[in-house]
Amino acid sequence: MARAILSDLDGVLVDSHASVMRAWRWWAQGHGIEADPDEWVEHGRPSGSVIGELRPDLDEHAEAAAIDERQARDVAGVVALPGAAELLAPGGPRPLAVVTSGVVPLATARLRAAGLHVPDVLVTPERVRRGKPDPEPYLLGASDLGVDPGDCVVLEDAPAGIAAGRAAGMHVVGITTTLAPPDLGGAHEHAASVAEWLSRAWPRGSRR
């Protein structure tokens, strides 16, 4: 039985896709990029790494900060996904950390917009040198919770996050809100939502 849960945010706990795409379209228009962001934004990676590959001539940190700030101000349509409220509620099934590629202001803005509890442990780009798919964010989350990586479950909806969880030596559940199971092939198991996984892993009455 896992002793702790480490969860990605976007696509796992909240649906923020519309807000994300609005920000990236705004950025693309400002830089003369005609291709739709759906074609080149890789879900689950920090904004700066996407910008660094697409436009290495720009200051990726400044550009990422502008995108993140716009998303934090534009939370229209950000909603909680099934099972998120139960997972994040104080006294939930297991100690929990949210491990996200969004900076603290963005992560907290989305959690609050969705009416979700902000957990005590947030692992964000401000705290790591290497983001997903590197295992550093998940290893830091386990350390913050005082739990061995092998005793952690990771909830992820993107290949980069699944790779990070696997590299950290954790049990990875692919949440299929964003991609189909074949696209999340590195996961140990799959679930349609956090709610489905919770009902399977910890039936009501047995969650502590």
N, C-alpha and C. Protein backbone atom coordinates (compact mmCIF):
# COMPACT_ATOMS: atom_id res chain seq x y z
N MET A 1 0.84 -1.19 0.00
CA MET A 1 0.00 0.00 0.00
C MET A 1 0.88 1.25 0.00
N ALA A 2 0.58 2.19 -0.88
CA ALA A 2 1.35 3.43 -0.94
C ALA A 2 1.19 4.23 0.34
N ARG A 3 2.25 4.90 0.73
CA ARG A 3 2.21 5.75 1.92
C ARG A 3 1.94 7.21 1.57
N ALA A 4 2.12 7.59 0.30
CA ALA A 4 1.91 8.97 -0.10
C ALA A 4 1.50 9.03 -1.57
N ILE A 5 0.83 10.12 -1.92
CA ILE A 5 0.37 10.35 -3.29
C ILE A 5 1.00 11.64 -3.78
N LEU A 6 1.59 11.57 -4.97
CA LEU A 6 2.16 12.74 -5.63
C LEU A 6 1.38 12.96 -6.92
N SER A 7 0.72 14.09 -7.04
CA SER A 7 -0.17 14.31 -8.17
C SER A 7 0.22 15.52 -9.00
N ASP A 8 0.18 15.34 -10.31
CA ASP A 8 0.25 16.46 -11.22
C ASP A 8 -1.02 17.30 -11.03
N LEU A 9 -1.02 18.51 -11.55
CA LEU A 9 -2.17 19.40 -11.37
C LEU A 9 -3.06 19.44 -12.61
N ASP A 10 -2.56 20.02 -13.68
CA ASP A 10 -3.38 20.24 -14.87
C ASP A 10 -3.66 18.93 -15.59
N GLY A 11 -4.94 18.68 -15.83
CA GLY A 11 -5.34 17.46 -16.50
C GLY A 11 -5.56 16.29 -15.56
N VAL A 12 -5.16 16.45 -14.31
CA VAL A 12 -5.36 15.40 -13.30
C VAL A 12 -6.33 15.89 -12.23
N LEU A 13 -6.02 17.06 -11.66
CA LEU A 13 -6.87 17.64 -10.61
C LEU A 13 -7.79 18.74 -11.15
N VAL A 14 -7.31 19.48 -12.15
CA VAL A 14 -8.13 20.54 -12.74
C VAL A 14 -8.09 20.46 -14.25
N ASP A 15 -9.18 20.90 -14.87
CA ASP A 15 -9.23 21.07 -16.32
C ASP A 15 -8.93 22.53 -16.60
N SER A 16 -7.75 22.80 -17.13
CA SER A 16 -7.32 24.18 -17.41
C SER A 16 -6.95 24.35 -18.88
N HIS A 17 -7.35 23.40 -19.71
CA HIS A 17 -6.88 23.40 -21.10
C HIS A 17 -7.23 24.69 -21.83
N ALA A 18 -8.44 25.18 -21.65
CA ALA A 18 -8.85 26.39 -22.38
C ALA A 18 -7.99 27.58 -21.98
N SER A 19 -7.72 27.73 -20.69
CA SER A 19 -6.88 28.82 -20.21
C SER A 19 -5.46 28.70 -20.77
N VAL A 20 -4.92 27.50 -20.77
CA VAL A 20 -3.57 27.27 -21.29
C VAL A 20 -3.48 27.66 -22.75
N MET A 21 -4.43 27.21 -23.55
CA MET A 21 -4.39 27.49 -24.98
C MET A 21 -4.61 28.96 -25.28
N ARG A 22 -5.45 29.64 -24.50
CA ARG A 22 -5.63 31.08 -24.71
C ARG A 22 -4.32 31.82 -24.49
N ALA A 23 -3.57 31.44 -23.46
CA ALA A 23 -2.30 32.11 -23.18
C ALA A 23 -1.27 31.85 -24.27
N TRP A 24 -1.20 30.60 -24.72
CA TRP A 24 -0.21 30.28 -25.75
C TRP A 24 -0.58 30.91 -27.09
N ARG A 25 -1.85 31.02 -27.40
CA ARG A 25 -2.25 31.69 -28.64
C ARG A 25 -1.91 33.18 -28.58
N TRP A 26 -2.12 33.79 -27.41
CA TRP A 26 -1.74 35.18 -27.21
C TRP A 26 -0.24 35.35 -27.43
N TRP A 27 0.56 34.46 -26.86
CA TRP A 27 2.02 34.54 -27.01
C TRP A 27 2.43 34.32 -28.46
N ALA A 28 1.84 33.33 -29.11
CA ALA A 28 2.20 33.02 -30.49
C ALA A 28 1.89 34.19 -31.41
N GLN A 29 0.75 34.82 -31.24
CA GLN A 29 0.38 35.96 -32.07
C GLN A 29 1.37 37.11 -31.88
N GLY A 30 1.84 37.29 -30.66
CA GLY A 30 2.80 38.37 -30.39
C GLY A 30 4.17 38.12 -30.98
N HIS A 31 4.44 36.87 -31.38
CA HIS A 31 5.75 36.55 -31.94
C HIS A 31 5.65 36.06 -33.38
N GLY A 32 4.52 36.29 -34.00
CA GLY A 32 4.36 35.96 -35.42
C GLY A 32 4.36 34.48 -35.72
N ILE A 33 3.94 33.67 -34.74
CA ILE A 33 3.90 32.21 -34.95
C ILE A 33 2.49 31.84 -35.40
N GLU A 34 2.37 31.31 -36.60
CA GLU A 34 1.06 31.04 -37.17
C GLU A 34 0.52 29.65 -36.81
N ALA A 35 1.41 28.70 -36.56
CA ALA A 35 0.96 27.34 -36.25
C ALA A 35 0.19 27.33 -34.93
N ASP A 36 -0.87 26.53 -34.88
CA ASP A 36 -1.69 26.45 -33.67
C ASP A 36 -0.89 25.82 -32.54
N PRO A 37 -0.96 26.40 -31.32
CA PRO A 37 -0.22 25.84 -30.19
C PRO A 37 -0.53 24.37 -29.92
N ASP A 38 -1.71 23.91 -30.28
CA ASP A 38 -2.02 22.49 -30.09
C ASP A 38 -1.03 21.60 -30.80
N GLU A 39 -0.34 22.14 -31.81
CA GLU A 39 0.60 21.36 -32.59
C GLU A 39 1.98 21.31 -31.95
N TRP A 40 2.31 22.27 -31.07
CA TRP A 40 3.68 22.30 -30.56
C TRP A 40 3.81 22.48 -29.04
N VAL A 41 2.73 22.68 -28.35
CA VAL A 41 2.82 22.75 -26.88
C VAL A 41 2.73 21.33 -26.33
N GLU A 42 3.80 20.89 -25.71
CA GLU A 42 3.82 19.54 -25.13
C GLU A 42 3.32 19.62 -23.69
N HIS A 43 2.19 19.00 -23.45
CA HIS A 43 1.56 19.05 -22.14
C HIS A 43 2.47 18.44 -21.07
N GLY A 44 2.51 19.11 -19.92
CA GLY A 44 3.26 18.57 -18.79
C GLY A 44 4.67 19.09 -18.66
N ARG A 45 5.11 19.92 -19.60
CA ARG A 45 6.47 20.47 -19.53
C ARG A 45 6.42 21.94 -19.13
N PRO A 46 7.47 22.45 -18.45
CA PRO A 46 7.50 23.87 -18.10
C PRO A 46 7.45 24.74 -19.35
N SER A 47 6.82 25.89 -19.24
CA SER A 47 6.69 26.80 -20.38
C SER A 47 8.05 27.17 -20.96
N GLY A 48 9.02 27.42 -20.08
CA GLY A 48 10.34 27.83 -20.55
C GLY A 48 11.01 26.83 -21.45
N SER A 49 10.86 25.54 -21.16
CA SER A 49 11.51 24.53 -22.00
C SER A 49 10.86 24.46 -23.38
N VAL A 50 9.54 24.68 -23.44
CA VAL A 50 8.86 24.71 -24.74
C VAL A 50 9.36 25.90 -25.55
N ILE A 51 9.44 27.06 -24.91
CA ILE A 51 9.90 28.27 -25.60
C ILE A 51 11.35 28.13 -26.04
N GLY A 52 12.18 27.53 -25.18
CA GLY A 52 13.59 27.37 -25.51
C GLY A 52 13.81 26.55 -26.76
N GLU A 53 12.97 25.55 -26.98
CA GLU A 53 13.10 24.73 -28.19
C GLU A 53 12.51 25.43 -29.41
N LEU A 54 11.41 26.14 -29.20
CA LEU A 54 10.71 26.77 -30.32
C LEU A 54 11.39 28.07 -30.77
N ARG A 55 11.82 28.89 -29.81
CA ARG A 55 12.45 30.18 -30.11
C ARG A 55 13.68 30.37 -29.23
N PRO A 56 14.78 29.68 -29.56
CA PRO A 56 15.99 29.79 -28.73
C PRO A 56 16.60 31.19 -28.72
N ASP A 57 16.14 32.06 -29.62
CA ASP A 57 16.65 33.43 -29.66
C ASP A 57 16.06 34.32 -28.58
N LEU A 58 14.99 33.85 -27.92
CA LEU A 58 14.31 34.65 -26.90
C LEU A 58 14.81 34.30 -25.49
N ASP A 59 14.54 35.18 -24.55
CA ASP A 59 14.82 34.91 -23.14
C ASP A 59 13.69 34.03 -22.63
N GLU A 60 13.94 32.74 -22.53
CA GLU A 60 12.87 31.81 -22.19
C GLU A 60 12.29 32.06 -20.81
N HIS A 61 13.10 32.54 -19.88
CA HIS A 61 12.60 32.79 -18.53
C HIS A 61 11.62 33.97 -18.52
N ALA A 62 11.97 35.05 -19.22
CA ALA A 62 11.09 36.21 -19.27
C ALA A 62 9.80 35.88 -20.02
N GLU A 63 9.92 35.16 -21.12
CA GLU A 63 8.73 34.81 -21.91
C GLU A 63 7.82 33.86 -21.12
N ALA A 64 8.42 32.90 -20.43
CA ALA A 64 7.62 31.96 -19.64
C ALA A 64 6.91 32.69 -18.51
N ALA A 65 7.59 33.65 -17.89
CA ALA A 65 6.97 34.41 -16.81
C ALA A 65 5.75 35.17 -17.32
N ALA A 66 5.85 35.72 -18.53
CA ALA A 66 4.72 36.45 -19.11
C ALA A 66 3.54 35.53 -19.37
N ILE A 67 3.83 34.35 -19.89
CA ILE A 67 2.76 33.38 -20.16
C ILE A 67 2.12 32.91 -18.86
N ASP A 68 2.95 32.60 -17.87
CA ASP A 68 2.42 32.11 -16.60
C ASP A 68 1.57 33.18 -15.91
N GLU A 69 2.02 34.44 -15.98
CA GLU A 69 1.26 35.52 -15.36
C GLU A 69 -0.10 35.68 -16.04
N ARG A 70 -0.12 35.58 -17.35
CA ARG A 70 -1.39 35.70 -18.07
C ARG A 70 -2.34 34.58 -17.69
N GLN A 71 -1.82 33.36 -17.58
CA GLN A 71 -2.66 32.23 -17.20
C GLN A 71 -3.19 32.38 -15.77
N ALA A 72 -2.36 32.90 -14.87
CA ALA A 72 -2.79 33.08 -13.48
C ALA A 72 -3.91 34.11 -13.38
N ARG A 73 -3.93 35.09 -14.29
CA ARG A 73 -4.99 36.10 -14.29
C ARG A 73 -6.23 35.62 -15.04
N ASP A 74 -6.05 34.66 -15.93
CA ASP A 74 -7.16 34.17 -16.75
C ASP A 74 -7.49 32.74 -16.34
N VAL A 75 -8.35 32.59 -15.35
CA VAL A 75 -8.73 31.26 -14.88
C VAL A 75 -10.18 30.92 -15.25
N ALA A 76 -10.72 31.66 -16.20
CA ALA A 76 -12.08 31.38 -16.65
C ALA A 76 -12.17 29.95 -17.18
N GLY A 77 -13.15 29.22 -16.70
CA GLY A 77 -13.35 27.85 -17.17
C GLY A 77 -12.51 26.81 -16.48
N VAL A 78 -11.65 27.20 -15.54
CA VAL A 78 -10.85 26.21 -14.80
C VAL A 78 -11.76 25.53 -13.77
N VAL A 79 -11.88 24.23 -13.87
CA VAL A 79 -12.79 23.48 -12.98
C VAL A 79 -12.08 22.26 -12.42
N ALA A 80 -12.56 21.79 -11.27
CA ALA A 80 -12.02 20.58 -10.66
C ALA A 80 -12.45 19.36 -11.45
N LEU A 81 -11.57 18.39 -11.54
CA LEU A 81 -11.89 17.12 -12.19
C LEU A 81 -12.37 16.12 -11.14
N PRO A 82 -13.10 15.08 -11.56
CA PRO A 82 -13.66 14.12 -10.60
C PRO A 82 -12.60 13.50 -9.68
N GLY A 83 -12.87 13.53 -8.40
CA GLY A 83 -11.98 12.95 -7.40
C GLY A 83 -10.99 13.93 -6.82
N ALA A 84 -10.82 15.10 -7.44
CA ALA A 84 -9.80 16.05 -6.97
C ALA A 84 -10.11 16.57 -5.59
N ALA A 85 -11.36 16.95 -5.34
CA ALA A 85 -11.73 17.52 -4.04
C ALA A 85 -11.48 16.51 -2.92
N GLU A 86 -11.83 15.26 -3.16
CA GLU A 86 -11.62 14.23 -2.14
C GLU A 86 -10.14 13.99 -1.89
N LEU A 87 -9.36 13.97 -2.96
CA LEU A 87 -7.92 13.72 -2.82
C LEU A 87 -7.23 14.83 -2.05
N LEU A 88 -7.64 16.08 -2.30
CA LEU A 88 -6.97 17.24 -1.71
C LEU A 88 -7.53 17.65 -0.36
N ALA A 89 -8.66 17.12 0.02
CA ALA A 89 -9.28 17.51 1.28
C ALA A 89 -8.37 17.17 2.46
N PRO A 90 -8.27 18.06 3.46
CA PRO A 90 -7.50 17.72 4.67
C PRO A 90 -7.99 16.39 5.24
N GLY A 91 -7.07 15.53 5.61
CA GLY A 91 -7.46 14.22 6.10
C GLY A 91 -7.82 13.26 4.98
N GLY A 92 -7.32 13.53 3.77
CA GLY A 92 -7.58 12.67 2.61
C GLY A 92 -6.97 11.29 2.78
N PRO A 93 -7.04 10.47 1.72
CA PRO A 93 -6.63 9.08 1.85
C PRO A 93 -5.16 8.86 2.22
N ARG A 94 -4.29 9.75 1.77
CA ARG A 94 -2.86 9.63 2.08
C ARG A 94 -2.23 11.03 2.07
N PRO A 95 -1.07 11.21 2.73
CA PRO A 95 -0.34 12.47 2.59
C PRO A 95 -0.12 12.76 1.11
N LEU A 96 -0.21 14.05 0.74
CA LEU A 96 -0.23 14.40 -0.67
C LEU A 96 0.65 15.59 -0.98
N ALA A 97 1.30 15.53 -2.14
CA ALA A 97 2.01 16.68 -2.69
C ALA A 97 1.51 16.89 -4.11
N VAL A 98 1.34 18.14 -4.49
CA VAL A 98 1.05 18.48 -5.88
C VAL A 98 2.37 18.84 -6.55
N VAL A 99 2.68 18.15 -7.64
CA VAL A 99 3.94 18.34 -8.36
C VAL A 99 3.58 18.84 -9.76
N THR A 100 3.85 20.10 -10.02
CA THR A 100 3.37 20.72 -11.24
C THR A 100 4.45 21.52 -11.94
N SER A 101 4.26 21.69 -13.25
CA SER A 101 5.19 22.51 -14.04
C SER A 101 4.80 23.98 -14.00
N GLY A 102 3.72 24.32 -13.31
CA GLY A 102 3.30 25.70 -13.16
C GLY A 102 3.90 26.33 -11.91
N VAL A 103 4.24 27.61 -12.00
CA VAL A 103 4.82 28.31 -10.85
C VAL A 103 3.77 28.47 -9.76
N VAL A 104 4.21 28.83 -8.55
CA VAL A 104 3.31 28.90 -7.40
C VAL A 104 2.09 29.79 -7.63
N PRO A 105 2.25 31.03 -8.13
CA PRO A 105 1.05 31.86 -8.32
C PRO A 105 0.05 31.23 -9.29
N LEU A 106 0.55 30.56 -10.32
CA LEU A 106 -0.34 29.93 -11.29
C LEU A 106 -1.02 28.71 -10.69
N ALA A 107 -0.26 27.87 -10.01
CA ALA A 107 -0.84 26.67 -9.41
C ALA A 107 -1.89 27.01 -8.38
N THR A 108 -1.60 27.98 -7.50
CA THR A 108 -2.57 28.33 -6.47
C THR A 108 -3.79 29.02 -7.07
N ALA A 109 -3.60 29.82 -8.12
CA ALA A 109 -4.75 30.47 -8.77
C ALA A 109 -5.69 29.43 -9.35
N ARG A 110 -5.14 28.39 -9.95
CA ARG A 110 -5.99 27.36 -10.55
C ARG A 110 -6.69 26.52 -9.48
N LEU A 111 -5.98 26.16 -8.44
CA LEU A 111 -6.61 25.40 -7.37
C LEU A 111 -7.77 26.18 -6.75
N ARG A 112 -7.54 27.44 -6.48
CA ARG A 112 -8.59 28.25 -5.87
C ARG A 112 -9.76 28.49 -6.82
N ALA A 113 -9.46 28.71 -8.11
CA ALA A 113 -10.53 28.91 -9.08
C ALA A 113 -11.42 27.68 -9.17
N ALA A 114 -10.82 26.51 -8.98
CA ALA A 114 -11.57 25.26 -9.04
C ALA A 114 -12.21 24.90 -7.71
N GLY A 115 -12.02 25.75 -6.68
CA GLY A 115 -12.60 25.48 -5.38
C GLY A 115 -11.93 24.36 -4.62
N LEU A 116 -10.64 24.16 -4.87
CA LEU A 116 -9.90 23.06 -4.26
C LEU A 116 -8.98 23.57 -3.14
N HIS A 117 -8.74 22.71 -2.16
CA HIS A 117 -7.81 23.01 -1.07
C HIS A 117 -6.39 23.06 -1.61
N VAL A 118 -5.63 24.09 -1.22
CA VAL A 118 -4.22 24.18 -1.60
C VAL A 118 -3.40 23.37 -0.60
N PRO A 119 -2.72 22.32 -1.06
CA PRO A 119 -2.00 21.46 -0.12
C PRO A 119 -0.78 22.14 0.48
N ASP A 120 -0.31 21.60 1.58
CA ASP A 120 0.86 22.15 2.25
C ASP A 120 2.12 21.96 1.41
N VAL A 121 2.17 20.89 0.62
CA VAL A 121 3.37 20.59 -0.17
C VAL A 121 3.09 20.83 -1.65
N LEU A 122 3.75 21.84 -2.20
CA LEU A 122 3.70 22.14 -3.63
C LEU A 122 5.12 22.08 -4.18
N VAL A 123 5.31 21.30 -5.21
CA VAL A 123 6.61 21.26 -5.89
C VAL A 123 6.42 21.94 -7.24
N THR A 124 7.09 23.06 -7.43
CA THR A 124 6.93 23.90 -8.61
C THR A 124 8.30 24.23 -9.21
N PRO A 125 8.33 24.84 -10.40
CA PRO A 125 9.63 25.12 -11.03
C PRO A 125 10.56 25.99 -10.21
N GLU A 126 10.01 26.82 -9.30
CA GLU A 126 10.88 27.66 -8.48
C GLU A 126 11.79 26.83 -7.57
N ARG A 127 11.41 25.57 -7.33
CA ARG A 127 12.12 24.77 -6.34
C ARG A 127 13.06 23.73 -6.95
N VAL A 128 13.06 23.58 -8.25
CA VAL A 128 13.88 22.53 -8.87
C VAL A 128 14.78 23.12 -9.96
N ARG A 129 15.84 22.40 -10.24
CA ARG A 129 16.74 22.81 -11.33
C ARG A 129 16.31 22.20 -12.65
N ARG A 130 15.72 21.00 -12.58
CA ARG A 130 15.32 20.29 -13.79
C ARG A 130 13.86 19.85 -13.65
N GLY A 131 13.05 20.21 -14.62
CA GLY A 131 11.65 19.84 -14.58
C GLY A 131 11.40 18.49 -15.22
N LYS A 132 10.14 18.07 -15.21
CA LYS A 132 9.76 16.83 -15.87
C LYS A 132 10.19 16.87 -17.34
N PRO A 133 10.71 15.79 -17.89
CA PRO A 133 10.68 14.40 -17.44
C PRO A 133 11.79 13.99 -16.47
N ASP A 134 12.60 14.91 -15.99
CA ASP A 134 13.58 14.57 -14.98
C ASP A 134 12.86 14.17 -13.69
N PRO A 135 13.38 13.22 -12.93
CA PRO A 135 12.71 12.78 -11.70
C PRO A 135 12.82 13.75 -10.53
N GLU A 136 13.63 14.81 -10.66
CA GLU A 136 13.87 15.71 -9.52
C GLU A 136 12.60 16.21 -8.85
N PRO A 137 11.58 16.68 -9.61
CA PRO A 137 10.39 17.18 -8.91
C PRO A 137 9.70 16.13 -8.05
N TYR A 138 9.60 14.91 -8.53
CA TYR A 138 8.93 13.87 -7.75
C TYR A 138 9.79 13.41 -6.57
N LEU A 139 11.08 13.37 -6.76
CA LEU A 139 11.95 13.00 -5.63
C LEU A 139 11.88 14.06 -4.53
N LEU A 140 11.79 15.33 -4.92
CA LEU A 140 11.65 16.40 -3.93
C LEU A 140 10.32 16.29 -3.19
N GLY A 141 9.25 15.96 -3.92
CA GLY A 141 7.96 15.79 -3.28
C GLY A 141 7.97 14.69 -2.23
N ALA A 142 8.60 13.57 -2.57
CA ALA A 142 8.70 12.46 -1.61
C ALA A 142 9.51 12.88 -0.39
N SER A 143 10.59 13.63 -0.62
CA SER A 143 11.42 14.10 0.49
C SER A 143 10.63 15.03 1.40
N ASP A 144 9.87 15.93 0.79
CA ASP A 144 9.07 16.86 1.59
C ASP A 144 8.06 16.13 2.48
N LEU A 145 7.52 15.04 1.96
CA LEU A 145 6.53 14.27 2.71
C LEU A 145 7.18 13.28 3.68
N GLY A 146 8.50 13.12 3.59
CA GLY A 146 9.21 12.20 4.46
C GLY A 146 8.93 10.75 4.13
N VAL A 147 8.74 10.46 2.85
CA VAL A 147 8.38 9.11 2.42
C VAL A 147 9.40 8.62 1.39
N ASP A 148 9.75 7.35 1.45
CA ASP A 148 10.66 6.77 0.46
C ASP A 148 9.99 6.78 -0.91
N PRO A 149 10.74 7.09 -1.97
CA PRO A 149 10.14 7.12 -3.31
C PRO A 149 9.40 5.85 -3.68
N GLY A 150 9.91 4.72 -3.25
CA GLY A 150 9.26 3.45 -3.58
C GLY A 150 7.92 3.25 -2.91
N ASP A 151 7.59 4.10 -1.95
CA ASP A 151 6.30 4.02 -1.25
C ASP A 151 5.31 5.07 -1.75
N CYS A 152 5.60 5.67 -2.91
CA CYS A 152 4.76 6.74 -3.45
C CYS A 152 4.02 6.29 -4.72
N VAL A 153 2.82 6.83 -4.88
CA VAL A 153 2.05 6.69 -6.12
C VAL A 153 2.03 8.05 -6.81
N VAL A 154 2.27 8.04 -8.11
CA VAL A 154 2.23 9.24 -8.93
C VAL A 154 0.99 9.20 -9.80
N LEU A 155 0.25 10.32 -9.86
CA LEU A 155 -0.90 10.46 -10.74
C LEU A 155 -0.54 11.46 -11.83
N GLU A 156 -0.54 11.01 -13.07
CA GLU A 156 -0.07 11.84 -14.19
C GLU A 156 -0.93 11.63 -15.43
N ASP A 157 -0.96 12.65 -16.28
CA ASP A 157 -1.72 12.54 -17.53
C ASP A 157 -0.87 12.82 -18.75
N ALA A 158 0.45 12.98 -18.59
CA ALA A 158 1.32 13.34 -19.70
C ALA A 158 2.57 12.47 -19.72
N PRO A 159 3.09 12.18 -20.91
CA PRO A 159 4.29 11.33 -21.01
C PRO A 159 5.48 11.86 -20.22
N ALA A 160 5.69 13.19 -20.21
CA ALA A 160 6.83 13.74 -19.47
C ALA A 160 6.72 13.45 -17.99
N GLY A 161 5.52 13.58 -17.44
CA GLY A 161 5.32 13.31 -16.02
C GLY A 161 5.42 11.84 -15.69
N ILE A 162 4.92 11.01 -16.59
CA ILE A 162 5.02 9.56 -16.38
C ILE A 162 6.48 9.14 -16.38
N ALA A 163 7.25 9.68 -17.31
CA ALA A 163 8.68 9.37 -17.35
C ALA A 163 9.38 9.82 -16.08
N ALA A 164 8.98 10.99 -15.56
CA ALA A 164 9.59 11.50 -14.32
C ALA A 164 9.28 10.59 -13.14
N GLY A 165 8.01 10.17 -13.03
CA GLY A 165 7.62 9.29 -11.95
C GLY A 165 8.32 7.95 -12.01
N ARG A 166 8.42 7.39 -13.22
CA ARG A 166 9.11 6.10 -13.37
C ARG A 166 10.58 6.24 -13.01
N ALA A 167 11.22 7.32 -13.47
CA ALA A 167 12.64 7.52 -13.18
C ALA A 167 12.88 7.71 -11.69
N ALA A 168 11.86 8.21 -10.97
CA ALA A 168 11.98 8.40 -9.51
C ALA A 168 11.76 7.10 -8.75
N GLY A 169 11.40 6.03 -9.46
CA GLY A 169 11.18 4.74 -8.81
C GLY A 169 9.83 4.60 -8.15
N MET A 170 8.83 5.33 -8.66
CA MET A 170 7.50 5.33 -8.07
C MET A 170 6.50 4.56 -8.93
N HIS A 171 5.38 4.17 -8.31
CA HIS A 171 4.30 3.52 -9.03
C HIS A 171 3.48 4.61 -9.72
N VAL A 172 3.33 4.51 -11.04
CA VAL A 172 2.72 5.60 -11.81
C VAL A 172 1.37 5.17 -12.36
N VAL A 173 0.36 6.01 -12.09
CA VAL A 173 -0.98 5.81 -12.62
C VAL A 173 -1.21 6.83 -13.73
N GLY A 174 -1.49 6.36 -14.92
CA GLY A 174 -1.79 7.25 -16.03
C GLY A 174 -3.26 7.63 -16.02
N ILE A 175 -3.56 8.91 -15.81
CA ILE A 175 -4.94 9.39 -15.80
C ILE A 175 -5.29 9.81 -17.23
N THR A 176 -6.29 9.20 -17.82
CA THR A 176 -6.54 9.34 -19.25
C THR A 176 -7.49 10.48 -19.60
N THR A 177 -7.40 11.58 -18.88
CA THR A 177 -8.22 12.75 -19.19
C THR A 177 -7.71 13.49 -20.42
N THR A 178 -6.42 13.39 -20.69
CA THR A 178 -5.80 14.15 -21.78
C THR A 178 -5.42 13.26 -22.95
N LEU A 179 -4.86 12.09 -22.67
CA LEU A 179 -4.41 11.17 -23.70
C LEU A 179 -4.94 9.77 -23.43
N ALA A 180 -4.99 8.97 -24.48
CA ALA A 180 -5.47 7.59 -24.36
C ALA A 180 -4.37 6.70 -23.78
N PRO A 181 -4.76 5.54 -23.21
CA PRO A 181 -3.76 4.65 -22.61
C PRO A 181 -2.56 4.32 -23.50
N PRO A 182 -2.72 4.08 -24.81
CA PRO A 182 -1.54 3.79 -25.62
C PRO A 182 -0.51 4.92 -25.63
N ASP A 183 -0.98 6.17 -25.41
CA ASP A 183 -0.07 7.31 -25.38
C ASP A 183 0.57 7.51 -24.01
N LEU A 184 0.12 6.73 -23.03
CA LEU A 184 0.66 6.79 -21.67
C LEU A 184 1.24 5.42 -21.32
N GLY A 185 1.96 4.85 -22.27
CA GLY A 185 2.43 3.47 -22.15
C GLY A 185 3.40 3.22 -21.02
N GLY A 186 4.04 4.26 -20.50
CA GLY A 186 4.99 4.04 -19.42
C GLY A 186 4.35 3.86 -18.06
N ALA A 187 3.04 4.10 -17.97
CA ALA A 187 2.36 3.99 -16.67
C ALA A 187 2.19 2.53 -16.27
N HIS A 188 2.20 2.27 -14.97
CA HIS A 188 1.97 0.91 -14.49
C HIS A 188 0.51 0.50 -14.60
N GLU A 189 -0.39 1.48 -14.51
CA GLU A 189 -1.82 1.23 -14.65
C GLU A 189 -2.49 2.51 -15.13
N HIS A 190 -3.74 2.41 -15.53
CA HIS A 190 -4.47 3.57 -16.04
C HIS A 190 -5.81 3.70 -15.33
N ALA A 191 -6.32 4.94 -15.30
CA ALA A 191 -7.65 5.20 -14.77
C ALA A 191 -8.22 6.39 -15.53
N ALA A 192 -9.53 6.41 -15.68
CA ALA A 192 -10.18 7.49 -16.42
C ALA A 192 -10.17 8.79 -15.65
N SER A 193 -10.05 8.72 -14.33
CA SER A 193 -10.04 9.91 -13.49
C SER A 193 -9.46 9.56 -12.13
N VAL A 194 -9.17 10.59 -11.35
CA VAL A 194 -8.74 10.36 -9.97
C VAL A 194 -9.83 9.63 -9.20
N ALA A 195 -11.09 10.00 -9.44
CA ALA A 195 -12.21 9.36 -8.74
C ALA A 195 -12.24 7.86 -9.01
N GLU A 196 -12.02 7.47 -10.27
CA GLU A 196 -12.03 6.04 -10.59
C GLU A 196 -10.88 5.34 -9.89
N TRP A 197 -9.70 5.96 -9.92
CA TRP A 197 -8.56 5.32 -9.27
C TRP A 197 -8.77 5.19 -7.77
N LEU A 198 -9.29 6.24 -7.13
CA LEU A 198 -9.55 6.17 -5.70
C LEU A 198 -10.52 5.05 -5.36
N SER A 199 -11.57 4.90 -6.15
CA SER A 199 -12.56 3.86 -5.86
C SER A 199 -11.97 2.47 -5.99
N ARG A 200 -10.96 2.35 -6.84
CA ARG A 200 -10.31 1.06 -7.05
C ARG A 200 -9.22 0.80 -6.01
N ALA A 201 -8.45 1.83 -5.71
CA ALA A 201 -7.31 1.66 -4.80
C ALA A 201 -7.72 1.64 -3.35
N TRP A 202 -8.68 2.52 -3.00
CA TRP A 202 -9.12 2.62 -1.62
C TRP A 202 -10.64 2.71 -1.57
N PRO A 203 -11.33 1.58 -1.58
CA PRO A 203 -12.80 1.63 -1.46
C PRO A 203 -13.19 2.38 -0.20
N ARG A 204 -14.33 3.02 -0.25
CA ARG A 204 -14.80 3.81 0.91
C ARG A 204 -14.82 2.93 2.16
N GLY A 205 -14.35 3.53 3.26
CA GLY A 205 -14.28 2.80 4.51
C GLY A 205 -12.91 2.19 4.77
N SER A 206 -12.01 2.26 3.75
CA SER A 206 -10.69 1.67 3.94
C SER A 206 -9.58 2.62 3.51
N ARG A 207 -9.82 3.93 3.61
CA ARG A 207 -8.88 4.90 3.05
C ARG A 207 -7.91 5.48 4.06
N ARG A 208 -7.84 4.97 5.27
CA ARG A 208 -6.81 5.38 6.21
C ARG A 208 -6.12 4.13 6.73
